[in-house]
N, C-alpha and C. Protein backbone atom coordinates (compact mmCIF):
# COMPACT_ATOMS: atom_id res chain seq x y z
N MET A 1 41.42 51.59 117.01
CA MET A 1 41.58 51.69 118.49
C MET A 1 43.02 52.38 118.79
N TYR A 2 43.21 52.94 119.58
CA TYR A 2 44.38 53.55 119.96
C TYR A 2 45.36 52.47 120.43
N TYR A 3 46.65 52.72 119.95
CA TYR A 3 47.48 51.63 120.31
C TYR A 3 49.00 52.43 120.55
N THR A 4 49.69 51.99 121.92
CA THR A 4 50.99 52.73 121.84
C THR A 4 52.04 51.45 121.67
N ASN A 5 52.83 51.86 120.78
CA ASN A 5 53.93 51.06 120.44
C ASN A 5 54.98 50.76 121.36
N THR A 6 55.47 49.54 121.48
CA THR A 6 56.60 49.57 122.47
C THR A 6 57.96 50.31 121.75
N CYS A 7 58.65 50.54 122.70
CA CYS A 7 59.92 51.20 122.35
C CYS A 7 59.96 52.43 121.61
N GLU A 8 58.64 53.05 121.59
CA GLU A 8 58.39 54.42 120.93
C GLU A 8 58.17 55.47 122.27
N ALA A 9 58.71 56.47 122.15
CA ALA A 9 58.68 57.38 123.30
C ALA A 9 57.26 58.24 122.74
N VAL A 10 56.49 58.49 124.12
CA VAL A 10 55.34 59.27 123.97
C VAL A 10 55.51 60.54 124.77
N SER A 11 55.23 61.83 124.45
CA SER A 11 55.52 62.88 125.09
C SER A 11 54.44 62.95 126.39
N SER A 12 54.86 63.53 127.35
CA SER A 12 54.13 63.43 128.47
C SER A 12 53.46 64.89 128.86
N ASN A 13 52.37 65.17 129.42
CA ASN A 13 51.76 66.30 129.75
C ASN A 13 52.60 67.11 130.68
N ILE A 14 53.60 66.53 131.38
CA ILE A 14 54.43 67.33 132.61
C ILE A 14 55.73 67.62 131.96
N THR A 15 56.57 66.76 131.84
CA THR A 15 57.93 66.92 131.45
C THR A 15 58.60 65.63 130.92
N GLY A 16 59.25 65.43 130.00
CA GLY A 16 59.70 64.24 129.56
C GLY A 16 59.10 63.52 128.57
N THR A 17 59.44 62.19 128.60
CA THR A 17 58.77 61.09 127.73
C THR A 17 58.63 60.01 128.44
N VAL A 18 57.50 59.13 128.04
CA VAL A 18 57.46 57.87 128.64
C VAL A 18 57.40 56.83 127.51
N THR A 19 57.90 55.71 127.55
CA THR A 19 58.05 54.53 126.96
C THR A 19 57.80 53.36 127.32
N ILE A 20 56.91 52.53 126.50
CA ILE A 20 56.63 51.04 126.80
C ILE A 20 57.76 50.14 126.27
N GLU A 21 58.80 49.79 127.37
CA GLU A 21 59.60 49.01 126.90
C GLU A 21 59.20 47.65 126.41
N ASN A 22 58.43 47.02 127.22
CA ASN A 22 58.10 45.58 126.93
C ASN A 22 56.69 45.60 127.57
N ARG A 23 56.00 44.51 126.93
CA ARG A 23 54.31 44.37 127.53
C ARG A 23 54.15 42.95 126.78
N VAL A 24 53.56 42.23 127.99
CA VAL A 24 53.14 40.69 127.80
C VAL A 24 51.97 40.64 128.62
N TYR A 25 50.94 40.13 127.76
CA TYR A 25 49.67 39.45 128.30
C TYR A 25 49.72 38.13 128.62
N ARG A 26 49.28 37.64 129.97
CA ARG A 26 49.49 36.35 130.21
C ARG A 26 47.95 35.89 130.46
N PRO A 27 47.26 35.06 129.58
CA PRO A 27 45.92 34.84 129.53
C PRO A 27 45.82 33.71 130.79
N ALA A 28 46.52 32.93 131.18
CA ALA A 28 46.53 32.32 132.25
C ALA A 28 45.93 32.85 133.54
N ASN A 29 46.79 33.92 133.77
CA ASN A 29 46.04 34.58 135.10
C ASN A 29 45.35 35.90 134.85
N GLY A 30 45.03 36.23 133.59
CA GLY A 30 44.34 37.36 133.17
C GLY A 30 45.29 38.57 133.59
N SER A 31 46.54 38.66 133.22
CA SER A 31 47.24 39.72 133.69
C SER A 31 48.20 40.35 132.38
N LEU A 32 48.59 41.71 132.48
CA LEU A 32 49.10 42.34 131.54
C LEU A 32 50.49 43.05 132.40
N ASP A 33 51.71 42.48 132.02
CA ASP A 33 52.86 42.98 132.50
C ASP A 33 53.42 43.84 131.42
N MET A 34 53.83 45.04 132.01
CA MET A 34 54.49 46.27 131.12
C MET A 34 55.84 46.73 131.91
N VAL A 35 56.79 47.04 130.95
CA VAL A 35 57.99 47.83 131.48
C VAL A 35 57.86 49.11 130.94
N ILE A 36 57.76 50.01 131.86
CA ILE A 36 57.57 51.43 131.47
C ILE A 36 58.82 52.34 131.82
N LYS A 37 59.44 53.09 130.92
CA LYS A 37 60.50 54.01 131.23
C LYS A 37 59.93 55.40 130.98
N MET A 38 60.39 56.17 132.31
CA MET A 38 60.08 57.54 132.14
C MET A 38 61.15 58.32 132.21
N ASP A 39 61.28 59.32 131.53
CA ASP A 39 62.33 60.39 131.53
C ASP A 39 61.86 61.44 132.04
N GLN A 40 61.33 61.50 133.40
CA GLN A 40 61.06 62.65 134.09
C GLN A 40 61.96 63.31 134.97
N THR A 41 61.98 64.47 135.14
CA THR A 41 62.98 65.41 135.85
C THR A 41 62.49 65.39 137.44
N ASP A 42 61.19 65.46 137.73
CA ASP A 42 60.61 65.35 138.85
C ASP A 42 60.95 64.03 139.62
N GLU A 43 61.17 64.10 141.02
CA GLU A 43 61.36 62.87 141.84
C GLU A 43 60.20 62.79 142.79
N GLU A 44 58.91 62.84 141.96
CA GLU A 44 57.55 62.63 142.65
C GLU A 44 57.28 61.37 142.50
N GLU A 45 56.18 60.84 143.29
CA GLU A 45 55.45 59.46 143.25
C GLU A 45 54.78 59.53 142.16
N VAL A 46 54.71 58.25 141.57
CA VAL A 46 54.05 58.03 140.41
C VAL A 46 52.80 56.86 140.56
N SER A 47 51.59 57.07 140.15
CA SER A 47 50.50 56.30 140.53
C SER A 47 49.76 55.88 139.10
N PHE A 48 49.39 54.57 139.06
CA PHE A 48 48.80 53.98 137.97
C PHE A 48 47.12 53.69 137.95
N VAL A 49 46.57 54.08 136.90
CA VAL A 49 45.15 53.72 136.85
C VAL A 49 44.84 52.95 135.60
N ALA A 50 44.11 51.99 135.59
CA ALA A 50 43.97 50.79 134.19
C ALA A 50 42.47 50.54 134.18
N GLN A 51 42.04 50.81 132.94
CA GLN A 51 40.66 50.58 132.49
C GLN A 51 40.61 49.82 131.50
N GLU A 52 39.76 48.63 131.27
CA GLU A 52 39.63 48.08 129.93
C GLU A 52 38.44 48.26 129.32
N LYS A 53 38.39 47.93 127.96
CA LYS A 53 37.13 48.34 126.89
C LYS A 53 35.91 47.58 127.53
N ALA A 54 36.39 46.38 127.75
CA ALA A 54 35.04 45.49 128.00
C ALA A 54 34.36 45.92 129.35
N ASN A 55 35.01 46.31 130.34
CA ASN A 55 34.24 46.67 131.65
C ASN A 55 34.90 48.24 132.09
N PRO A 56 34.36 49.16 131.23
CA PRO A 56 35.04 50.64 131.49
C PRO A 56 34.71 51.02 132.77
N ASN A 57 33.94 50.57 133.56
CA ASN A 57 33.51 51.28 134.88
C ASN A 57 34.31 50.70 136.08
N ILE A 58 35.22 49.84 135.83
CA ILE A 58 35.83 49.09 136.89
C ILE A 58 37.46 49.50 136.48
N LYS A 59 37.92 50.17 137.74
CA LYS A 59 39.29 50.34 137.69
C LYS A 59 40.12 48.81 138.31
N LEU A 60 40.92 48.48 137.24
CA LEU A 60 41.63 47.44 137.38
C LEU A 60 42.80 47.47 138.40
N PRO A 61 43.23 46.35 139.20
CA PRO A 61 44.20 46.61 140.19
C PRO A 61 45.61 46.66 139.32
N VAL A 62 46.32 47.60 139.99
CA VAL A 62 47.68 47.66 139.19
C VAL A 62 48.83 47.48 140.38
N HIS A 63 49.53 46.59 140.04
CA HIS A 63 50.65 46.20 141.25
C HIS A 63 52.06 46.76 140.66
N LEU A 64 52.80 47.57 141.39
CA LEU A 64 54.10 47.88 140.97
C LEU A 64 55.01 46.73 141.47
N LEU A 65 55.62 46.10 140.42
CA LEU A 65 56.50 44.83 140.88
C LEU A 65 57.85 45.26 141.18
N TYR A 66 58.36 46.25 140.36
CA TYR A 66 59.83 46.84 140.30
C TYR A 66 59.98 48.19 140.05
N GLU A 67 60.77 49.00 140.74
CA GLU A 67 60.98 50.34 140.14
C GLU A 67 62.54 50.70 140.44
N ASP A 68 63.02 51.38 139.34
CA ASP A 68 64.48 51.70 139.56
C ASP A 68 64.75 52.58 138.57
N ASP A 69 65.16 53.90 138.93
CA ASP A 69 65.81 54.85 137.98
C ASP A 69 64.98 55.31 136.87
N GLY A 70 63.71 55.54 137.07
CA GLY A 70 62.88 55.78 135.72
C GLY A 70 62.22 54.52 135.13
N TYR A 71 62.53 53.57 135.59
CA TYR A 71 61.98 52.22 135.01
C TYR A 71 60.83 51.67 135.98
N TYR A 72 59.91 51.38 135.40
CA TYR A 72 58.53 50.82 136.32
C TYR A 72 58.12 49.29 135.74
N VAL A 73 58.21 48.24 136.51
CA VAL A 73 57.49 47.12 136.10
C VAL A 73 56.16 46.94 136.87
N VAL A 74 55.03 46.99 135.95
CA VAL A 74 53.70 47.00 136.65
C VAL A 74 53.10 45.72 136.22
N ARG A 75 51.85 45.33 136.91
CA ARG A 75 51.14 44.30 136.49
C ARG A 75 49.81 44.66 136.65
N ILE A 76 49.01 44.58 135.62
CA ILE A 76 47.54 44.91 135.54
C ILE A 76 46.93 43.52 135.72
N SER A 77 46.11 43.38 136.72
CA SER A 77 45.43 42.13 137.32
C SER A 77 43.99 42.25 136.83
N ASP A 78 43.26 40.92 136.91
CA ASP A 78 41.83 40.80 136.73
C ASP A 78 41.33 41.26 135.39
N LEU A 79 42.03 41.16 134.36
CA LEU A 79 41.64 41.33 133.04
C LEU A 79 40.72 40.36 132.47
N SER A 80 39.69 40.74 131.86
CA SER A 80 38.62 39.50 131.30
C SER A 80 39.19 38.98 130.16
N SER A 81 38.91 37.68 129.93
CA SER A 81 39.48 37.06 128.57
C SER A 81 39.24 37.84 127.46
N ASN A 82 38.34 38.70 127.33
CA ASN A 82 38.18 39.42 126.01
C ASN A 82 38.14 40.98 126.37
N TRP A 83 39.15 41.59 126.83
CA TRP A 83 39.67 42.92 127.33
C TRP A 83 39.52 43.82 126.19
N GLU A 84 39.90 43.55 124.99
CA GLU A 84 39.89 44.19 123.75
C GLU A 84 40.66 45.43 123.55
N ALA A 85 40.69 46.36 124.58
CA ALA A 85 41.45 47.39 124.58
C ALA A 85 41.86 47.74 125.97
N LEU A 86 43.03 48.58 126.27
CA LEU A 86 43.16 49.05 127.80
C LEU A 86 43.81 50.31 127.69
N ALA A 87 43.26 51.20 128.69
CA ALA A 87 43.86 52.48 128.91
C ALA A 87 44.55 52.42 130.19
N PHE A 88 45.75 52.83 130.10
CA PHE A 88 46.65 52.81 131.42
C PHE A 88 47.33 54.27 131.66
N ASP A 89 46.86 55.17 132.76
CA ASP A 89 46.96 56.16 132.98
C ASP A 89 48.15 56.55 133.97
N LEU A 90 49.08 57.21 133.99
CA LEU A 90 50.17 57.47 134.81
C LEU A 90 49.86 58.75 135.26
N TYR A 91 49.78 58.93 136.63
CA TYR A 91 49.59 60.07 137.23
C TYR A 91 50.86 60.38 138.41
N GLN A 92 51.19 61.76 138.48
CA GLN A 92 52.20 62.41 139.15
C GLN A 92 51.55 62.66 140.49
N GLU A 93 51.86 62.01 141.73
CA GLU A 93 51.39 62.54 142.98
C GLU A 93 51.89 63.86 143.55
N ASN A 94 51.30 64.86 143.42
CA ASN A 94 52.08 66.12 143.90
C ASN A 94 51.73 66.17 145.43
N GLU A 95 52.71 66.78 146.27
CA GLU A 95 52.65 66.95 147.60
C GLU A 95 51.33 67.80 148.03
N GLU A 96 50.88 66.86 149.20
CA GLU A 96 49.41 67.63 149.59
C GLU A 96 49.48 69.23 149.88
N LYS A 97 48.55 69.83 149.31
CA LYS A 97 48.53 71.32 149.51
C LYS A 97 47.51 71.51 150.61
N GLU A 98 47.84 72.43 151.51
CA GLU A 98 47.06 72.99 152.38
C GLU A 98 46.26 74.23 152.11
N THR A 99 45.06 74.29 152.13
CA THR A 99 44.35 75.50 151.88
C THR A 99 43.29 75.94 152.94
N VAL A 100 43.35 77.26 153.32
CA VAL A 100 42.40 77.83 154.38
C VAL A 100 41.60 78.75 153.72
N ASN A 101 40.37 78.50 154.30
CA ASN A 101 39.21 79.64 153.98
C ASN A 101 39.61 81.10 155.05
N VAL A 102 40.15 82.00 154.11
CA VAL A 102 40.37 83.04 154.84
C VAL A 102 39.18 83.71 155.56
N ASP A 103 37.90 83.95 154.94
CA ASP A 103 36.84 84.60 155.53
C ASP A 103 36.44 83.89 156.74
N GLU A 104 36.45 82.51 156.66
CA GLU A 104 36.05 81.88 157.97
C GLU A 104 37.13 82.04 159.14
N VAL A 105 38.42 81.98 158.77
CA VAL A 105 39.36 82.37 159.95
C VAL A 105 39.18 83.79 160.52
N ALA A 106 39.01 84.56 159.67
CA ALA A 106 38.79 86.08 159.88
C ALA A 106 37.54 86.32 160.85
N THR A 107 36.33 85.55 160.70
CA THR A 107 35.30 85.88 161.39
C THR A 107 35.25 85.03 162.68
N ASN A 108 35.67 83.69 162.49
CA ASN A 108 35.66 82.72 163.72
C ASN A 108 36.76 82.54 164.50
N TYR A 109 37.85 83.02 163.75
CA TYR A 109 39.36 82.67 164.50
C TYR A 109 39.30 81.19 164.77
N ASP A 110 39.08 80.39 163.97
CA ASP A 110 38.96 78.85 164.00
C ASP A 110 39.85 78.34 162.86
N THR A 111 41.07 77.73 163.20
CA THR A 111 41.74 77.21 162.18
C THR A 111 41.59 75.73 161.93
N SER A 112 40.54 75.30 162.47
CA SER A 112 40.14 73.59 162.38
C SER A 112 39.58 73.57 160.88
N SER A 113 39.09 74.70 160.09
CA SER A 113 38.34 74.36 159.00
C SER A 113 39.54 74.27 157.73
N THR A 114 40.50 73.71 158.00
CA THR A 114 41.63 73.67 156.69
C THR A 114 41.28 72.33 156.07
N GLU A 115 41.30 72.28 154.65
CA GLU A 115 41.13 71.19 153.88
C GLU A 115 42.20 70.83 153.28
N GLU A 116 42.59 69.73 153.06
CA GLU A 116 43.82 69.15 152.40
C GLU A 116 43.31 68.39 151.07
N ILE A 117 44.11 68.93 150.07
CA ILE A 117 43.60 68.48 148.74
C ILE A 117 44.89 67.75 148.18
N ASP A 118 44.56 66.55 147.73
CA ASP A 118 45.33 65.58 147.23
C ASP A 118 45.41 65.90 145.72
N ALA A 119 46.37 66.41 145.21
CA ALA A 119 46.35 66.91 143.74
C ALA A 119 47.31 65.77 142.73
N HIS A 120 46.49 65.23 141.81
CA HIS A 120 47.14 64.25 140.80
C HIS A 120 47.32 64.97 139.51
N ALA A 121 48.30 64.94 138.97
CA ALA A 121 48.62 65.64 137.68
C ALA A 121 48.62 64.41 136.51
N LEU A 122 48.04 64.41 135.72
CA LEU A 122 48.13 63.21 134.73
C LEU A 122 49.31 63.61 133.75
N ILE A 123 50.20 62.41 133.71
CA ILE A 123 51.54 62.58 133.04
C ILE A 123 51.08 62.07 131.53
N THR A 124 50.43 61.09 131.50
CA THR A 124 50.15 60.53 130.09
C THR A 124 49.27 59.05 130.20
N THR A 125 48.71 58.96 128.99
CA THR A 125 47.75 57.61 128.87
C THR A 125 48.41 56.59 127.81
N LEU A 126 48.79 55.64 128.24
CA LEU A 126 49.31 54.63 127.18
C LEU A 126 48.19 53.62 126.93
N TYR A 127 48.18 53.27 125.67
CA TYR A 127 46.91 52.33 125.14
C TYR A 127 47.63 50.85 124.65
N SER A 128 46.80 49.79 125.27
CA SER A 128 47.02 48.44 124.53
C SER A 128 45.87 47.97 123.89
N ASP A 129 46.24 47.05 122.82
CA ASP A 129 45.10 46.55 122.12
C ASP A 129 45.43 45.17 122.18
N GLN A 130 44.49 44.29 122.48
CA GLN A 130 44.44 42.86 122.82
C GLN A 130 45.08 42.21 121.67
N ARG A 131 44.50 42.35 120.41
CA ARG A 131 44.96 41.79 119.21
C ARG A 131 46.74 41.91 118.77
N LYS A 132 47.13 43.03 119.20
CA LYS A 132 48.50 43.33 118.92
C LYS A 132 49.45 43.24 120.10
N THR A 133 48.98 42.84 121.39
CA THR A 133 49.90 42.68 122.23
C THR A 133 50.23 41.09 122.37
N LYS A 134 51.63 40.93 122.47
CA LYS A 134 52.26 39.68 122.83
C LYS A 134 51.68 38.71 124.00
N SER A 135 51.18 37.42 123.63
CA SER A 135 50.73 36.65 124.72
C SER A 135 51.85 35.51 124.86
N GLU A 136 51.97 35.32 126.40
CA GLU A 136 52.78 34.17 126.64
C GLU A 136 52.02 33.34 127.74
N GLU A 137 52.47 32.04 127.82
CA GLU A 137 51.78 31.17 128.82
C GLU A 137 52.61 31.36 129.89
N GLY A 138 51.78 30.68 131.02
CA GLY A 138 52.75 30.76 132.30
C GLY A 138 52.15 31.85 133.13
N LYS A 139 52.38 31.74 134.49
CA LYS A 139 52.04 32.86 135.49
C LYS A 139 53.11 33.98 135.34
N GLY A 140 54.22 33.76 135.17
CA GLY A 140 55.17 34.95 134.84
C GLY A 140 55.58 35.56 136.08
N THR A 141 55.70 34.92 137.03
CA THR A 141 56.22 35.45 138.54
C THR A 141 57.56 35.52 138.54
N LYS A 142 58.22 36.36 138.72
CA LYS A 142 59.60 36.62 138.82
C LYS A 142 59.92 37.30 140.10
N ASN A 143 61.20 37.27 140.54
CA ASN A 143 61.51 37.74 142.03
C ASN A 143 62.40 39.27 141.46
N LYS A 144 62.47 40.02 142.60
CA LYS A 144 63.00 41.32 142.38
C LYS A 144 64.34 41.30 141.55
N GLN A 145 65.12 40.19 141.80
CA GLN A 145 66.51 40.15 140.98
C GLN A 145 66.24 40.02 139.41
N GLU A 146 65.45 39.12 139.36
CA GLU A 146 64.93 38.77 137.67
C GLU A 146 64.23 40.23 136.98
N TYR A 147 63.69 40.98 137.72
CA TYR A 147 63.22 42.25 137.26
C TYR A 147 64.25 43.18 137.22
N ALA A 148 65.37 43.16 138.26
CA ALA A 148 66.60 44.08 137.91
C ALA A 148 67.31 43.65 136.75
N LEU A 149 67.39 42.40 136.78
CA LEU A 149 68.20 41.91 135.20
C LEU A 149 67.56 42.16 134.20
N LEU A 150 66.10 42.27 134.08
CA LEU A 150 65.30 42.58 133.00
C LEU A 150 65.45 44.00 132.68
N VAL A 151 65.68 44.97 133.61
CA VAL A 151 65.60 46.50 133.44
C VAL A 151 67.34 46.51 133.13
N ASN A 152 68.14 45.89 133.63
CA ASN A 152 69.48 46.15 133.25
C ASN A 152 69.78 45.77 131.70
N ASP A 153 69.20 44.73 131.39
CA ASP A 153 69.24 44.24 130.04
C ASP A 153 68.64 45.45 129.09
N LEU A 154 67.38 46.03 129.32
CA LEU A 154 66.91 47.08 128.50
C LEU A 154 67.59 48.29 128.54
N GLU A 155 68.41 48.55 129.89
CA GLU A 155 69.31 49.60 129.82
C GLU A 155 70.40 49.36 128.76
N LYS A 156 70.91 48.33 128.87
CA LYS A 156 72.29 47.98 128.04
C LYS A 156 71.83 48.30 126.41
N GLN A 157 70.68 47.58 126.21
CA GLN A 157 70.32 47.69 124.67
C GLN A 157 70.04 49.19 124.41
N PHE A 158 69.64 50.12 125.29
CA PHE A 158 69.21 51.49 124.94
C PHE A 158 70.71 52.22 125.03
N VAL A 159 71.72 51.92 125.96
CA VAL A 159 73.05 52.42 125.52
C VAL A 159 73.78 51.95 124.55
N LYS A 160 73.52 50.69 124.11
CA LYS A 160 74.11 50.27 122.77
C LYS A 160 73.53 50.89 121.59
N LYS A 161 72.17 51.19 121.65
CA LYS A 161 71.82 52.16 120.43
C LYS A 161 72.27 53.43 120.46
N LYS A 162 72.53 53.91 121.67
CA LYS A 162 72.92 55.47 121.64
C LYS A 162 74.28 55.35 121.22
N MET A 163 75.00 54.40 121.56
CA MET A 163 76.40 54.36 121.19
C MET A 163 76.61 54.21 119.65
N LYS A 164 75.69 53.33 119.10
CA LYS A 164 75.78 53.33 117.55
C LYS A 164 75.31 54.77 116.81
N ASN A 165 74.20 55.36 117.40
CA ASN A 165 73.91 56.68 117.12
C ASN A 165 75.19 57.72 116.97
N TYR A 166 75.63 57.52 118.26
CA TYR A 166 76.93 58.41 118.33
C TYR A 166 78.08 58.31 117.53
N GLU A 167 78.18 56.91 117.11
CA GLU A 167 79.31 56.60 116.09
C GLU A 167 79.06 56.95 114.66
N LYS A 168 77.56 57.06 114.31
CA LYS A 168 77.11 57.30 113.09
C LYS A 168 77.39 58.90 113.11
N VAL A 169 77.06 59.45 114.12
CA VAL A 169 77.24 60.94 113.98
C VAL A 169 78.76 61.34 114.13
N ILE A 170 79.47 60.58 114.79
CA ILE A 170 81.01 61.03 114.54
C ILE A 170 81.60 60.74 113.16
N THR A 171 81.22 59.73 112.41
CA THR A 171 81.67 59.46 111.12
C THR A 171 80.91 60.42 110.15
N VAL A 172 79.99 60.89 110.27
CA VAL A 172 79.37 62.01 109.47
C VAL A 172 79.99 63.35 109.80
N GLU A 173 80.64 63.68 111.16
CA GLU A 173 81.24 64.76 111.47
C GLU A 173 82.68 64.61 110.82
N THR A 174 83.19 63.45 111.00
CA THR A 174 84.45 63.24 110.40
C THR A 174 84.42 63.55 108.88
N LYS A 175 83.46 63.21 108.14
CA LYS A 175 83.38 63.38 106.82
C LYS A 175 83.40 64.72 106.42
N HIS A 176 82.48 65.44 107.06
CA HIS A 176 82.19 66.89 107.08
C HIS A 176 83.37 67.61 107.21
N LYS A 177 84.50 67.32 108.39
CA LYS A 177 85.50 68.03 108.91
C LYS A 177 86.64 67.74 107.61
N LEU A 178 86.56 66.53 106.79
CA LEU A 178 87.56 66.40 105.79
C LEU A 178 86.92 67.14 104.60
N GLN A 179 86.05 67.39 104.42
CA GLN A 179 85.33 68.11 103.39
C GLN A 179 85.54 69.65 103.73
N THR A 180 85.34 69.99 104.82
CA THR A 180 85.52 71.57 105.11
C THR A 180 86.90 71.66 104.82
N GLN A 181 88.02 70.79 105.32
CA GLN A 181 89.51 71.04 105.31
C GLN A 181 89.73 71.19 103.74
N GLN A 182 89.23 70.28 103.11
CA GLN A 182 89.52 70.25 101.50
C GLN A 182 89.19 71.55 100.91
N GLU A 183 87.96 72.21 101.17
CA GLU A 183 87.43 73.35 100.71
C GLU A 183 88.43 74.53 101.18
N MET A 184 88.93 74.74 102.63
CA MET A 184 89.77 75.51 103.16
C MET A 184 91.12 75.47 102.25
N ASN A 185 91.42 74.26 101.84
CA ASN A 185 92.74 74.19 101.13
C ASN A 185 92.73 74.55 99.66
N GLU A 186 91.61 74.46 99.20
CA GLU A 186 91.41 75.13 97.83
C GLU A 186 91.10 76.50 97.99
N LEU A 187 90.73 77.06 98.93
CA LEU A 187 90.29 78.44 99.05
C LEU A 187 91.79 79.13 99.10
N GLN A 188 92.52 78.47 99.99
CA GLN A 188 93.91 79.07 100.25
C GLN A 188 94.75 78.87 98.95
N ARG A 189 94.78 77.98 98.21
CA ARG A 189 95.28 77.99 96.67
C ARG A 189 94.96 79.02 95.81
N ASP A 190 93.48 79.30 95.94
CA ASP A 190 92.94 80.27 94.99
C ASP A 190 93.34 81.81 95.48
N MET A 191 93.69 82.03 96.80
CA MET A 191 94.13 83.23 97.37
C MET A 191 95.50 83.46 97.04
N LYS A 192 96.36 82.38 96.95
CA LYS A 192 97.73 82.83 96.32
C LYS A 192 97.76 83.17 94.97
N TYR A 193 96.88 82.62 94.06
CA TYR A 193 96.84 82.87 92.80
C TYR A 193 96.18 84.25 92.66
N GLN A 194 95.25 84.81 93.54
CA GLN A 194 94.60 85.93 93.46
C GLN A 194 95.64 87.16 93.74
N VAL A 195 96.47 86.77 94.81
CA VAL A 195 97.49 87.73 95.14
C VAL A 195 98.59 87.99 94.05
């Protein structure tokens, strides 16, 4: 079965990456909570569609619990007790485009035959496996401030990880700079002897 690991970036079909920061299954109310981070450059609306393997013809209700700066906290409800696997699609809702049938307008001069098409572009699909998903007891209902704190903690962890990576790069570059300086000094000494 497909499974999208947490804290592992998945490239999207449009731009940027999508990461599942946290995923918790709550068997008491048959729901799955996910914290998703999207590195999207577009400011378009995002919609979600979820389907489980046990009932593939039924689209499960998805509730957006919290949204802030590329972070989305979503709850997928009405999961069966043995859902096995879950496909979670993220769509970018493009602005409605208006199309006009030119032949009809030219012959009838009637502009009432315009159609509006609501285009959805698939960003990516994330997969969950019931056997690998962490379970927690309880309803797991939180208010908006608690979700904001959760997202802030995740952002702090991300920034700390980034800072550690920068510190590693700085130490490597410092060593490289010292090594290059030593090589330059040796080359200058060799030049004196050659002259």
